[in-house]
């Protein structure tokens, strides 16, 4: 597991982006956004209460946020699930499909979790703000969905 910190280079990735300018699916890689701020926010599952609160929080500050960074939500859900989630909540940003779990592993957010006494592997709700130089400007672990949008905006100021 990777323990990424502010100041570390952001791990490279390549996957499919759905939504926003990428429509129903376009291959993207981190290197495509050199020279720009990038926000990668990792969330457990499309269309669940906390993940919906988090995504809609970003949607609601999109006017300001979109001027400061390229934003991607990342989960292990498939592209079709992302499309439904985007359409249902009118999300203006793209979601990255990480069904192979390569990105969640590289960023160290694929962790052991527990619920009702059962342990399982899942995505830790975490956000990485990547500067124009490809270095992590901010790392937020175990993010509270309702506070997420303001954390991201503050990190970009």
Protein backbone atom coordinates (compact mmCIF):
# COMPACT_ATOMS: atom_id res chain seq x y z
CA UNK A 1 0.00 0.00 0.00
CA UNK A 2 1.23 3.45 -0.91
CA UNK A 3 1.37 6.17 1.73
CA UNK A 4 1.35 9.24 -0.48
CA UNK A 5 2.04 12.60 1.12
CA UNK A 6 1.95 16.22 0.03
CA UNK A 7 5.10 16.85 -2.06
CA UNK A 8 5.23 13.33 -3.56
CA UNK A 9 4.91 12.88 -7.32
CA UNK A 10 1.38 11.80 -8.23
CA UNK A 11 1.24 8.22 -9.56
CA UNK A 12 0.59 8.09 -13.30
CA UNK A 13 -2.60 6.42 -14.52
CA UNK A 14 -4.50 5.63 -17.68
CA UNK A 15 -8.17 4.66 -17.76
CA UNK A 16 -11.54 5.60 -19.23
CA UNK A 17 -13.28 8.86 -18.28
CA UNK A 18 -17.08 9.07 -18.54
CA UNK A 19 -19.09 12.29 -18.46
CA UNK A 20 -18.16 15.95 -18.75
CA UNK A 21 -16.21 16.51 -21.98
CA UNK A 22 -15.54 12.76 -22.30
CA UNK A 23 -19.09 11.67 -23.17
CA UNK A 24 -19.73 7.95 -22.87
CA UNK A 25 -16.06 7.09 -22.50
CA UNK A 26 -12.67 8.39 -23.58
CA UNK A 27 -9.21 7.15 -22.59
CA UNK A 28 -7.33 9.64 -20.41
CA UNK A 29 -4.01 9.61 -18.58
CA UNK A 30 -2.61 11.90 -15.93
CA UNK A 31 0.07 13.16 -18.34
CA UNK A 32 -2.71 14.66 -20.52
CA UNK A 33 -3.22 17.32 -17.83
CA UNK A 34 0.37 18.50 -17.32
CA UNK A 35 0.37 22.21 -16.51
CA UNK A 36 -3.06 22.09 -14.86
CA UNK A 37 -4.33 21.41 -11.36
CA UNK A 38 -6.05 18.03 -11.14
CA UNK A 39 -8.36 16.83 -8.37
CA UNK A 40 -8.72 13.05 -8.04
CA UNK A 41 -11.35 12.16 -5.50
CA UNK A 42 -11.80 8.49 -4.67
CA UNK A 43 -15.18 7.26 -3.48
CA UNK A 44 -16.58 3.81 -2.66
CA UNK A 45 -19.64 3.38 -4.91
CA UNK A 46 -21.87 5.21 -7.37
CA UNK A 47 -25.31 6.34 -6.16
CA UNK A 48 -24.88 5.60 -2.46
CA UNK A 49 -25.79 8.22 0.16
CA UNK A 50 -22.30 9.46 1.12
CA UNK A 51 -20.96 9.30 -2.43
CA UNK A 52 -23.98 11.20 -3.73
CA UNK A 53 -23.54 13.92 -1.06
CA UNK A 54 -19.88 14.21 -2.00
CA UNK A 55 -20.47 14.37 -5.78
CA UNK A 56 -23.37 16.82 -5.49
CA UNK A 57 -21.26 19.05 -3.23
CA UNK A 58 -18.70 19.38 -6.04
CA UNK A 59 -21.48 19.88 -8.58
CA UNK A 60 -22.88 22.72 -6.49
CA UNK A 61 -19.55 24.64 -6.49
CA UNK A 62 -18.71 23.72 -10.10
CA UNK A 63 -18.75 27.34 -11.39
CA UNK A 64 -15.84 28.20 -9.11
CA UNK A 65 -14.13 24.79 -9.04
CA UNK A 66 -13.96 24.32 -12.81
CA UNK A 67 -11.90 27.52 -13.14
CA UNK A 68 -9.23 26.11 -10.81
CA UNK A 69 -8.83 22.43 -11.70
CA UNK A 70 -9.73 19.42 -13.79
CA UNK A 71 -11.84 17.19 -11.53
CA UNK A 72 -12.26 13.43 -11.69
CA UNK A 73 -14.19 11.15 -9.36
CA UNK A 74 -12.63 7.67 -9.21
CA UNK A 75 -14.29 4.41 -8.21
CA UNK A 76 -14.07 0.77 -9.20
CA UNK A 77 -17.56 0.94 -10.71
CA UNK A 78 -17.88 0.22 -14.45
CA UNK A 79 -18.51 2.91 -17.06
CA UNK A 80 -22.23 2.07 -17.35
CA UNK A 81 -22.73 2.66 -13.61
CA UNK A 82 -20.86 5.97 -13.84
CA UNK A 83 -23.08 7.10 -16.73
CA UNK A 84 -26.25 6.43 -14.70
CA UNK A 85 -24.82 8.26 -11.67
CA UNK A 86 -23.81 11.27 -13.78
CA UNK A 87 -27.19 11.45 -15.51
CA UNK A 88 -29.23 11.00 -12.32
CA UNK A 89 -27.50 13.84 -10.46
CA UNK A 90 -26.46 16.04 -13.43
CA UNK A 91 -22.78 15.86 -12.53
CA UNK A 92 -20.74 18.26 -14.70
CA UNK A 93 -17.39 16.49 -14.18
CA UNK A 94 -16.05 13.15 -15.38
CA UNK A 95 -15.79 9.92 -13.43
CA UNK A 96 -12.93 7.48 -13.96
CA UNK A 97 -13.62 3.78 -14.11
CA UNK A 98 -10.99 1.74 -12.24
CA UNK A 99 -12.44 -1.76 -12.53
CA UNK A 100 -8.90 -3.23 -12.57
CA UNK A 101 -8.20 -1.44 -9.24
CA UNK A 102 -4.85 -0.17 -10.56
CA UNK A 103 -5.48 3.47 -9.62
CA UNK A 104 -6.90 2.77 -6.15
CA UNK A 105 -3.86 0.55 -5.48
CA UNK A 106 -1.37 3.14 -6.80
CA UNK A 107 -2.86 5.88 -4.61
CA UNK A 108 -3.09 3.60 -1.56
CA UNK A 109 -6.83 3.92 -1.10
CA UNK A 110 -7.75 0.22 -1.56
CA UNK A 111 -7.96 -0.69 2.11
CA UNK A 112 -9.46 -3.17 4.54
CA UNK A 113 -12.78 -1.92 5.85
CA UNK A 114 -15.35 -3.36 8.21
CA UNK A 115 -19.08 -3.12 8.56
CA UNK A 116 -21.35 -5.04 10.92
CA UNK A 117 -18.38 -7.13 12.09
CA UNK A 118 -17.43 -8.23 8.57
CA UNK A 119 -14.13 -7.16 7.02
CA UNK A 120 -13.71 -6.59 3.30
CA UNK A 121 -11.57 -4.62 0.86
CA UNK A 122 -12.91 -1.32 -0.43
CA UNK A 123 -12.09 2.22 -1.47
CA UNK A 124 -11.22 4.73 1.24
CA UNK A 125 -12.88 8.09 0.61
CA UNK A 126 -9.79 10.18 -0.15
CA UNK A 127 -8.85 13.16 -2.31
CA UNK A 128 -5.59 14.11 -3.98
CA UNK A 129 -4.96 17.60 -5.35
CA UNK A 130 -2.22 17.43 -7.98
CA UNK A 131 -0.38 20.59 -8.99
CA UNK A 132 0.50 21.60 -12.55
CA UNK A 133 3.95 20.02 -12.05
CA UNK A 134 2.50 16.57 -11.24
CA UNK A 135 3.28 16.84 -7.52
CA UNK A 136 0.68 16.36 -4.78
CA UNK A 137 -0.40 19.74 -3.40
CA UNK A 138 -2.80 18.24 -0.84
CA UNK A 139 -3.90 14.82 0.41
CA UNK A 140 -7.18 14.32 2.29
CA UNK A 141 -7.87 10.89 3.80
CA UNK A 142 -11.18 9.63 5.19
CA UNK A 143 -12.99 12.67 3.87
CA UNK A 144 -16.41 13.61 5.26
CA UNK A 145 -18.73 13.93 2.22
CA UNK A 146 -20.45 17.14 3.35
CA UNK A 147 -17.12 18.93 3.96
CA UNK A 148 -15.38 17.73 0.81
CA UNK A 149 -16.16 20.54 -1.66
CA UNK A 150 -14.88 23.27 0.67
CA UNK A 151 -11.70 21.29 1.43
CA UNK A 152 -10.97 21.04 -2.29
CA UNK A 153 -11.67 24.72 -2.96
CA UNK A 154 -9.44 25.76 -0.05
CA UNK A 155 -6.61 23.54 -1.28
CA UNK A 156 -6.77 25.18 -4.72
CA UNK A 157 -6.59 28.76 -3.40
